N, C-alpha and C. Protein backbone atom coordinates (compact mmCIF):
# COMPACT_ATOMS: atom_id res chain seq x y z
N MET A 1 -4.23 9.65 -25.76
CA MET A 1 -2.88 9.40 -25.81
C MET A 1 -2.33 9.43 -23.97
N THR A 2 -1.77 7.66 -24.05
CA THR A 2 -1.19 7.61 -22.48
C THR A 2 0.32 7.94 -22.96
N THR A 3 0.75 8.94 -21.67
CA THR A 3 2.09 8.88 -21.08
C THR A 3 3.16 8.52 -20.19
N THR A 4 3.74 7.38 -20.18
CA THR A 4 4.22 6.52 -19.06
C THR A 4 5.91 7.11 -19.31
N ARG A 5 5.75 7.20 -17.83
CA ARG A 5 7.25 7.02 -17.23
C ARG A 5 7.94 6.26 -16.16
N VAL A 6 9.28 5.59 -16.15
CA VAL A 6 9.35 4.86 -15.44
C VAL A 6 10.88 5.11 -14.91
N VAL A 7 10.48 5.25 -13.54
CA VAL A 7 11.43 5.89 -12.94
C VAL A 7 12.16 5.34 -11.61
N ARG A 8 13.31 4.69 -10.78
CA ARG A 8 13.89 4.31 -10.17
C ARG A 8 14.59 4.92 -9.14
N TRP A 9 15.13 4.64 -8.07
CA TRP A 9 16.25 5.33 -7.03
C TRP A 9 16.37 4.82 -6.11
N ARG A 10 17.27 4.90 -5.44
CA ARG A 10 18.01 4.31 -4.29
C ARG A 10 17.58 5.14 -2.91
N ASP A 11 17.90 4.50 -1.57
CA ASP A 11 17.51 5.32 -0.68
C ASP A 11 19.15 5.54 -0.35
N TRP A 12 19.33 6.75 0.49
CA TRP A 12 20.52 7.27 0.83
C TRP A 12 21.70 6.19 0.97
N THR A 13 21.37 5.15 2.05
CA THR A 13 22.19 4.04 2.24
C THR A 13 22.80 3.23 1.21
N GLY A 14 21.75 3.33 0.11
CA GLY A 14 21.89 2.26 -0.90
C GLY A 14 21.38 0.74 -0.75
N ALA A 15 20.27 0.87 1.00
CA ALA A 15 19.88 -0.37 1.09
C ALA A 15 18.97 -0.99 0.37
N GLY A 16 17.60 0.20 -0.34
CA GLY A 16 16.83 0.25 -0.56
C GLY A 16 16.86 0.50 -2.12
N ILE A 17 15.67 -0.04 -3.05
CA ILE A 17 15.18 0.32 -4.51
C ILE A 17 13.89 0.71 -4.49
N GLU A 18 13.55 1.77 -5.14
CA GLU A 18 12.11 1.51 -5.74
C GLU A 18 12.11 1.64 -7.17
N HIS A 19 11.05 1.06 -7.45
CA HIS A 19 10.79 0.94 -9.07
C HIS A 19 9.34 1.42 -9.19
N LEU A 20 9.03 2.84 -10.24
CA LEU A 20 7.63 3.38 -9.95
C LEU A 20 7.55 3.40 -11.88
N VAL A 21 6.24 3.41 -12.10
CA VAL A 21 5.80 3.60 -13.52
C VAL A 21 4.45 4.14 -13.54
N LEU A 22 4.75 5.15 -13.68
CA LEU A 22 3.57 6.25 -13.91
C LEU A 22 3.11 6.47 -15.33
N SER A 23 1.87 6.58 -15.21
CA SER A 23 0.98 6.56 -16.60
C SER A 23 -0.11 7.27 -16.20
N GLU A 24 -0.29 8.47 -17.57
CA GLU A 24 -1.32 9.48 -17.19
C GLU A 24 -1.81 9.32 -18.53
N ASP A 25 -3.23 9.24 -18.87
CA ASP A 25 -4.22 9.48 -19.79
C ASP A 25 -5.09 10.09 -19.66
N ASP A 26 -6.23 10.41 -20.54
CA ASP A 26 -7.16 11.68 -20.34
C ASP A 26 -7.90 10.96 -18.87
N ASP A 27 -8.35 9.96 -18.84
CA ASP A 27 -9.03 9.21 -18.01
C ASP A 27 -8.25 9.42 -16.30
N GLY A 28 -7.07 9.45 -16.24
CA GLY A 28 -6.58 9.91 -15.05
C GLY A 28 -4.81 9.50 -14.93
N ILE A 29 -4.57 9.25 -13.81
CA ILE A 29 -2.82 8.60 -13.65
C ILE A 29 -3.25 7.48 -12.57
N VAL A 30 -2.08 6.31 -12.86
CA VAL A 30 -1.76 5.69 -12.11
C VAL A 30 -0.63 5.13 -11.98
N ALA A 31 -0.21 5.17 -10.70
CA ALA A 31 1.51 4.78 -10.15
C ALA A 31 1.32 3.51 -9.70
N GLU A 32 2.07 2.61 -10.24
CA GLU A 32 2.49 1.49 -9.60
C GLU A 32 3.94 1.24 -9.59
N SER A 33 4.13 0.80 -8.40
CA SER A 33 5.63 0.41 -7.47
C SER A 33 6.04 -0.83 -7.19
N ALA A 34 7.40 -1.40 -7.19
CA ALA A 34 7.92 -2.29 -6.30
C ALA A 34 9.27 -1.58 -5.45
N LEU A 35 8.92 -1.77 -4.19
CA LEU A 35 9.60 -1.40 -3.47
C LEU A 35 10.83 -2.67 -2.75
N LEU A 36 12.13 -2.49 -2.48
CA LEU A 36 12.77 -3.22 -1.66
C LEU A 36 13.43 -2.71 -0.72
N GLY A 37 13.72 -3.08 0.49
CA GLY A 37 14.72 -1.61 1.46
C GLY A 37 14.84 -3.23 2.94
N THR A 38 15.49 -2.26 3.78
CA THR A 38 15.89 -2.60 5.18
C THR A 38 15.24 -1.75 5.86
N THR A 39 14.76 -2.28 7.00
CA THR A 39 14.50 -1.48 8.23
C THR A 39 16.02 -1.05 9.07
N GLU A 40 15.66 0.08 9.60
CA GLU A 40 16.51 0.31 10.36
C GLU A 40 17.02 -0.65 11.34
N SER A 41 16.42 -1.65 11.42
CA SER A 41 16.67 -2.76 12.61
C SER A 41 17.51 -3.99 11.64
N GLY A 42 17.43 -3.93 10.32
CA GLY A 42 18.14 -5.03 9.54
C GLY A 42 16.78 -5.88 9.14
N THR A 43 15.44 -5.86 9.50
CA THR A 43 14.75 -6.54 8.75
C THR A 43 14.43 -6.09 7.30
N VAL A 44 14.52 -7.06 6.44
CA VAL A 44 14.71 -7.34 4.91
C VAL A 44 13.03 -7.20 4.25
N PHE A 45 12.40 -6.30 3.78
CA PHE A 45 10.78 -6.29 3.17
C PHE A 45 11.16 -5.68 1.76
N ALA A 46 9.79 -6.28 1.39
CA ALA A 46 9.21 -5.75 -0.52
C ALA A 46 8.32 -5.55 0.16
N LEU A 47 7.10 -4.65 -1.01
CA LEU A 47 6.19 -4.00 -0.68
C LEU A 47 6.00 -3.69 -2.31
N ARG A 48 4.47 -3.79 -2.86
CA ARG A 48 3.97 -3.51 -4.05
C ARG A 48 2.90 -2.61 -3.38
N TYR A 49 2.45 -1.38 -4.50
CA TYR A 49 1.11 -0.81 -4.20
C TYR A 49 0.80 0.18 -5.66
N ARG A 50 -0.24 0.14 -5.90
CA ARG A 50 -0.81 0.81 -7.19
C ARG A 50 -1.30 2.22 -6.34
N ILE A 51 -1.30 3.28 -6.79
CA ILE A 51 -2.08 4.31 -7.14
C ILE A 51 -2.97 4.86 -8.05
N GLY A 52 -4.82 5.21 -8.00
CA GLY A 52 -5.52 5.64 -9.27
C GLY A 52 -5.90 6.79 -8.80
N CYS A 53 -5.49 7.97 -9.31
CA CYS A 53 -5.78 9.50 -9.60
C CYS A 53 -6.91 9.70 -10.72
N ASP A 54 -7.59 10.40 -10.37
CA ASP A 54 -8.43 11.26 -11.20
C ASP A 54 -7.71 12.44 -12.65
N ALA A 55 -8.00 12.69 -12.99
CA ALA A 55 -7.05 13.80 -13.90
C ALA A 55 -6.71 15.57 -13.33
N ALA A 56 -7.23 14.92 -12.08
CA ALA A 56 -7.23 16.47 -11.26
C ALA A 56 -6.02 15.85 -10.36
N TRP A 57 -5.50 14.78 -10.21
CA TRP A 57 -4.74 13.81 -9.16
C TRP A 57 -5.05 13.70 -7.71
N ARG A 58 -6.49 13.64 -7.88
CA ARG A 58 -7.57 13.05 -6.52
C ARG A 58 -7.06 11.69 -6.47
N VAL A 59 -7.12 11.17 -5.40
CA VAL A 59 -6.76 9.47 -5.42
C VAL A 59 -8.12 9.36 -5.40
N ARG A 60 -8.39 7.83 -5.97
CA ARG A 60 -9.93 7.36 -6.13
C ARG A 60 -9.37 5.84 -6.08
N GLU A 61 -8.02 5.56 -6.13
CA GLU A 61 -8.33 3.99 -5.59
C GLU A 61 -6.63 3.86 -5.21
N LEU A 62 -6.44 2.80 -3.72
CA LEU A 62 -5.05 2.68 -3.65
C LEU A 62 -5.46 1.40 -2.93
N GLY A 63 -3.95 0.30 -3.59
CA GLY A 63 -3.83 -0.72 -3.55
C GLY A 63 -2.76 -1.45 -3.23
N ILE A 64 -2.59 -2.11 -2.40
CA ILE A 64 -1.67 -2.71 -1.55
C ILE A 64 -1.52 -4.13 -1.18
N PRO A 65 -1.38 -5.14 -2.48
CA PRO A 65 -1.50 -6.73 -2.38
C PRO A 65 -1.03 -7.29 -1.30
N SER A 66 -1.88 -8.49 -0.77
CA SER A 66 -1.20 -9.02 0.45
C SER A 66 -0.08 -9.98 0.10
N PRO A 67 1.33 -9.55 0.59
CA PRO A 67 2.20 -10.54 0.42
C PRO A 67 1.99 -12.25 0.53
N SER A 68 2.63 -12.78 -0.51
CA SER A 68 2.68 -14.21 -0.08
C SER A 68 3.65 -14.91 0.43
N ARG A 69 3.88 -15.96 1.35
CA ARG A 69 4.68 -16.18 1.71
C ARG A 69 5.10 -17.71 1.94
N THR A 70 6.68 -18.24 1.59
CA THR A 70 6.90 -19.55 1.78
C THR A 70 7.62 -19.56 2.78
N SER A 71 7.08 -20.92 3.52
CA SER A 71 7.78 -21.67 4.43
C SER A 71 9.08 -22.30 3.50
N ARG A 72 10.17 -22.28 4.55
CA ARG A 72 11.24 -23.11 4.23
C ARG A 72 11.68 -24.24 4.96
């Protein structure tokens, strides 16, 4: 059986937010997240990542997709 938890939080300044989906089953745990934020210098960024762990929470896979950019 798969257990899934969805969690969202903001940083202390309210300038960033993260959305995390954590799924766990007999084969292991997968965390998939999307993050939107602003650096201290004011640069806005977005990031997605995926972490795959075995059933003992040892990291077995890490993925950070390349961002696609559109020019205007």
